[in-house]
Amino acid sequence: MGNLPKERVRENFPFDCSGIDFIGPFWIKSNKQRKSSLYKTYVSISVCFVTKAVHFELVSDLTTQAFIASLKRFIARRGRPSLIFSDNGKTFIGANAELKRLYKLVINPDPELAGFLVDENINWKFLPPRAPNFGGLWEAGVKSFKFHFKREAGNSRFTYEEFLTIMTQIEGILNSRPLTPLSTDIDNLSVLTPAHFLIGRPITSISEPNIIHIETNRLNIYQRLTKIVLSIWKKGGVIIT
């Protein structure tokens, strides 16, 4: 393994140096009716270079206004980053034409976005080509979210609130993954997680009944959402290295 870049080993606040990418589009139901209309939405994923904590934001579209709004929400909850990295091209713009538009928006920002980045004193950099020790950190998060969400949710359509609930709980799962043991004692199973850097302790979810083996058609919508999240927990494989 090569040397890690200084941004990944320098002591700093969580998310001060972050990688960002976008997942989508996902189709959201406008209401709970069976034949309700659908609209596109995207997930912005930010990964802290030092603590490996993740943060997800639901983005309605890829306009300048929606992009800035997602950054404002991120800053309000995680603090202002001083440096943001994103892919230099292939992954960032390869998915579809709309993500390519977003890439162009960042490299040639319009006055509104450029003004926001300047006002917040945020530097935006693109990765050098063939730099897996940079981009692999959050690319693993992107792949993990897409794989587990699609495997458990399948072709199900969710309302905005339902999708946001699943997305945020997946964020909690990723921030609860073990980074390293807290003790050399083999009987001490305590581990350090990204959540320790965010809230000073592990994230504990609300206790839920085990409904994984109950047929989905016998569950209400809240129980269906719970089953999806429990299945992701049970099957694991959401570790970002």
Protein backbone atom coordinates (compact mmCIF):
# COMPACT_ATOMS: atom_id res chain seq x y z
CA MET A 1 0.00 0.00 0.00
CA GLY A 2 1.36 3.42 -0.96
CA ASN A 3 1.64 6.42 1.29
CA LEU A 4 -1.65 8.08 2.11
CA PRO A 5 -2.06 11.72 1.03
CA LYS A 6 -1.53 14.26 3.81
CA GLU A 7 -5.23 15.17 3.74
CA ARG A 8 -6.07 11.69 5.09
CA VAL A 9 -3.65 11.66 8.02
CA ARG A 10 -3.69 15.27 9.18
CA GLU A 11 -5.48 15.86 12.50
CA ASN A 12 -8.57 17.94 11.83
CA PHE A 13 -12.27 18.36 12.49
CA PRO A 14 -14.62 15.82 10.86
CA PHE A 15 -15.46 16.72 7.25
CA ASP A 16 -12.95 19.59 7.11
CA CYS A 17 -11.53 17.75 4.11
CA SER A 18 -14.22 15.80 2.28
CA GLY A 19 -14.78 13.87 -0.91
CA ILE A 20 -18.10 14.33 -2.66
CA ASP A 21 -19.97 12.37 -5.31
CA PHE A 22 -23.53 11.92 -6.50
CA ILE A 23 -25.73 8.85 -6.82
CA GLY A 24 -28.80 8.62 -8.97
CA PRO A 25 -31.20 9.35 -10.31
CA PHE A 26 -33.76 7.65 -8.07
CA TRP A 27 -37.49 7.87 -8.74
CA ILE A 28 -39.66 9.23 -5.92
CA LYS A 29 -43.45 9.03 -5.66
CA SER A 30 -45.25 12.37 -5.39
CA ASN A 31 -47.76 10.87 -2.92
CA LYS A 32 -48.78 7.54 -1.36
CA GLN A 33 -51.28 6.63 -4.06
CA ARG A 34 -50.47 3.52 -6.10
CA LYS A 35 -50.52 5.35 -9.44
CA SER A 36 -48.92 8.57 -8.24
CA SER A 37 -46.55 10.41 -10.56
CA LEU A 38 -42.79 9.94 -10.20
CA TYR A 39 -39.99 12.47 -10.16
CA LYS A 40 -36.21 12.23 -10.11
CA THR A 41 -34.01 12.80 -7.10
CA TYR A 42 -30.33 12.32 -6.33
CA VAL A 43 -28.20 11.51 -3.30
CA SER A 44 -25.09 13.54 -2.55
CA ILE A 45 -22.52 11.55 -0.56
CA SER A 46 -19.73 13.23 1.38
CA VAL A 47 -16.95 11.24 3.05
CA CYS A 48 -14.56 12.67 5.63
CA PHE A 49 -10.97 11.99 4.59
CA VAL A 50 -9.75 11.57 8.18
CA THR A 51 -12.56 9.88 10.15
CA LYS A 52 -14.24 8.05 7.22
CA ALA A 53 -17.61 9.36 8.41
CA VAL A 54 -20.27 9.74 5.71
CA HIS A 55 -23.03 12.26 5.16
CA PHE A 56 -25.92 11.91 2.71
CA GLU A 57 -28.10 14.69 1.32
CA LEU A 58 -31.18 14.25 -0.84
CA VAL A 59 -31.00 16.60 -3.84
CA SER A 60 -34.08 17.37 -5.92
CA ASP A 61 -32.18 18.11 -9.14
CA LEU A 62 -28.77 19.16 -10.43
CA THR A 63 -29.39 22.86 -10.79
CA THR A 64 -27.09 25.45 -9.22
CA GLN A 65 -29.73 26.36 -6.65
CA ALA A 66 -30.31 22.75 -5.53
CA PHE A 67 -26.58 22.08 -5.42
CA ILE A 68 -25.89 25.13 -3.23
CA ALA A 69 -28.86 24.26 -1.00
CA SER A 70 -27.42 20.78 -0.38
CA LEU A 71 -24.05 22.31 0.52
CA LYS A 72 -25.74 24.72 2.93
CA ARG A 73 -27.55 21.83 4.66
CA PHE A 74 -24.28 19.91 4.87
CA ILE A 75 -22.47 22.91 6.39
CA ALA A 76 -25.28 23.58 8.88
CA ARG A 77 -25.08 20.02 10.24
CA ARG A 78 -21.40 19.08 9.81
CA GLY A 79 -19.55 22.38 9.73
CA ARG A 80 -17.88 24.21 6.86
CA PRO A 81 -15.24 22.17 5.01
CA SER A 82 -12.10 23.97 3.96
CA LEU A 83 -11.40 21.54 1.12
CA ILE A 84 -13.65 19.40 -1.08
CA PHE A 85 -12.40 16.81 -3.55
CA SER A 86 -14.34 15.23 -6.37
CA ASP A 87 -13.49 12.85 -9.19
CA ASN A 88 -11.58 14.31 -12.11
CA GLY A 89 -14.01 13.05 -14.69
CA LYS A 90 -14.66 9.40 -15.52
CA THR A 91 -16.72 8.38 -12.51
CA PHE A 92 -18.19 11.80 -11.89
CA ILE A 93 -19.45 12.39 -15.42
CA GLY A 94 -19.69 8.85 -16.74
CA ALA A 95 -23.03 7.86 -15.25
CA ASN A 96 -25.34 10.05 -17.32
CA ALA A 97 -25.65 13.39 -19.07
CA GLU A 98 -27.11 15.10 -16.01
CA LEU A 99 -24.10 14.28 -13.83
CA LYS A 100 -21.92 15.53 -16.68
CA ARG A 101 -23.80 18.82 -16.43
CA LEU A 102 -22.99 18.99 -12.72
CA TYR A 103 -19.31 18.34 -13.43
CA LYS A 104 -19.27 21.28 -15.86
CA LEU A 105 -21.05 23.39 -13.27
CA VAL A 106 -18.21 22.87 -10.80
CA ILE A 107 -15.25 23.29 -13.16
CA ASN A 108 -16.84 26.35 -14.78
CA PRO A 109 -19.00 27.68 -11.95
CA ASP A 110 -21.61 30.28 -12.65
CA PRO A 111 -21.40 33.47 -10.55
CA GLU A 112 -23.88 32.17 -7.98
CA LEU A 113 -21.93 29.00 -7.17
CA ALA A 114 -18.52 30.67 -7.44
CA GLY A 115 -19.68 33.41 -5.08
CA PHE A 116 -20.92 30.88 -2.55
CA LEU A 117 -17.62 28.95 -2.53
CA VAL A 118 -15.64 32.18 -2.16
CA ASP A 119 -17.88 33.51 0.62
CA GLU A 120 -17.57 30.24 2.55
CA ASN A 121 -13.80 30.04 1.88
CA ILE A 122 -14.14 26.54 0.41
CA ASN A 123 -11.52 25.20 -1.99
CA TRP A 124 -12.70 22.65 -4.57
CA LYS A 125 -10.15 20.32 -6.14
CA PHE A 126 -10.30 17.47 -8.61
CA LEU A 127 -8.38 14.26 -8.15
CA PRO A 128 -5.27 13.59 -10.19
CA PRO A 129 -5.71 10.76 -12.71
CA ARG A 130 -5.05 7.23 -11.40
CA ALA A 131 -5.18 8.20 -7.74
CA PRO A 132 -7.00 5.34 -5.98
CA ASN A 133 -5.59 6.37 -2.60
CA PHE A 134 -7.82 9.44 -2.92
CA GLY A 135 -11.03 8.51 -4.70
CA GLY A 136 -11.45 4.95 -3.49
CA LEU A 137 -12.51 6.23 -0.07
CA TRP A 138 -15.87 7.58 -1.17
CA GLU A 139 -16.29 5.49 -4.32
CA ALA A 140 -16.66 2.55 -1.91
CA GLY A 141 -19.44 4.47 -0.17
CA VAL A 142 -21.21 5.14 -3.45
CA LYS A 143 -21.02 1.49 -4.51
CA SER A 144 -22.08 0.29 -1.08
CA PHE A 145 -25.16 2.54 -0.96
CA LYS A 146 -26.25 1.62 -4.49
CA PHE A 147 -25.66 -2.10 -4.06
CA HIS A 148 -27.42 -2.52 -0.73
CA PHE A 149 -30.26 -0.11 -1.47
CA LYS A 150 -31.06 -1.76 -4.79
CA ARG A 151 -30.67 -5.28 -3.39
CA GLU A 152 -33.07 -4.66 -0.50
CA ALA A 153 -35.45 -2.10 -2.02
CA GLY A 154 -35.52 -3.61 -5.50
CA ASN A 155 -37.93 -1.76 -7.77
CA SER A 156 -40.01 -0.39 -4.89
CA ARG A 157 -41.05 3.23 -5.20
CA PHE A 158 -41.00 5.44 -2.13
CA THR A 159 -42.33 8.83 -1.18
CA TYR A 160 -39.87 11.58 -0.31
CA GLU A 161 -40.25 10.93 3.42
CA GLU A 162 -39.84 7.16 3.04
CA PHE A 163 -36.74 7.47 0.85
CA LEU A 164 -35.22 10.07 3.20
CA THR A 165 -35.79 7.73 6.17
CA ILE A 166 -34.02 4.80 4.50
CA MET A 167 -31.19 7.00 3.23
CA THR A 168 -30.53 8.51 6.66
CA GLN A 169 -30.61 5.14 8.39
CA ILE A 170 -28.08 3.78 5.88
CA GLU A 171 -25.92 6.78 6.78
CA GLY A 172 -26.20 5.72 10.43
CA ILE A 173 -25.20 2.14 9.57
CA LEU A 174 -22.09 3.31 7.71
CA ASN A 175 -21.15 5.64 10.57
CA SER A 176 -21.48 2.70 13.00
CA ARG A 177 -19.00 0.46 11.21
CA PRO A 178 -15.87 -0.50 13.20
CA LEU A 179 -12.62 1.24 12.34
CA THR A 180 -10.33 -0.29 14.97
CA PRO A 181 -10.58 -1.95 18.42
CA LEU A 182 -10.59 0.40 21.41
CA SER A 183 -8.65 -2.07 23.54
CA THR A 184 -6.03 -4.78 23.15
CA ASP A 185 -8.01 -6.91 25.61
CA ILE A 186 -9.51 -9.80 23.62
CA ASP A 187 -12.52 -9.81 25.94
CA ASN A 188 -13.27 -6.16 25.25
CA LEU A 189 -15.38 -5.94 22.10
CA SER A 190 -15.60 -2.13 22.06
CA VAL A 191 -14.60 -0.58 18.74
CA LEU A 192 -13.94 2.89 17.42
CA THR A 193 -16.49 4.03 14.82
CA PRO A 194 -16.87 7.20 12.73
CA ALA A 195 -19.74 8.14 15.05
CA HIS A 196 -17.29 8.59 17.93
CA PHE A 197 -15.81 11.56 16.06
CA LEU A 198 -19.26 13.00 15.29
CA ILE A 199 -21.16 12.58 18.58
CA GLY A 200 -18.56 11.13 20.95
CA ARG A 201 -20.17 7.70 21.16
CA PRO A 202 -21.64 4.97 18.92
CA ILE A 203 -24.91 5.68 17.17
CA THR A 204 -27.68 3.61 18.74
CA SER A 205 -30.86 3.07 16.79
CA ILE A 206 -34.35 2.57 18.16
CA SER A 207 -35.01 -1.05 19.13
CA GLU A 208 -37.06 -2.78 16.44
CA PRO A 209 -38.81 -6.17 16.39
CA ASN A 210 -37.19 -8.76 14.14
CA ILE A 211 -39.45 -8.81 11.09
CA ILE A 212 -36.90 -9.89 8.48
CA HIS A 213 -38.56 -13.27 7.91
CA ILE A 214 -42.11 -11.91 7.64
CA GLU A 215 -43.50 -11.67 4.10
CA THR A 216 -43.40 -8.09 2.82
CA ASN A 217 -47.07 -8.12 1.75
CA ARG A 218 -48.05 -8.62 5.40
CA LEU A 219 -46.24 -5.48 6.56
CA ASN A 220 -47.35 -1.86 6.65
CA ILE A 221 -45.17 0.80 5.05
CA TYR A 222 -43.30 1.63 8.27
CA GLN A 223 -42.53 -2.07 8.83
CA ARG A 224 -41.39 -2.45 5.21
CA LEU A 225 -38.89 0.38 5.66
CA THR A 226 -37.72 -1.20 8.91
CA LYS A 227 -37.27 -4.57 7.20
CA ILE A 228 -35.09 -3.02 4.48
CA VAL A 229 -32.80 -1.37 7.03
CA LEU A 230 -32.62 -4.50 9.23
CA SER A 231 -31.72 -6.59 6.18
CA ILE A 232 -28.84 -4.26 5.36
CA TRP A 233 -27.62 -4.50 8.97
CA LYS A 234 -27.92 -8.30 8.97
CA LYS A 235 -26.21 -8.92 5.64
CA GLY A 236 -23.42 -6.48 6.39
CA GLY A 237 -20.85 -5.82 3.71
CA VAL A 238 -21.26 -2.06 4.04
CA ILE A 239 -17.73 -1.49 5.27
CA ILE A 240 -15.77 1.35 3.66
CA THR A 241 -12.03 0.78 3.92
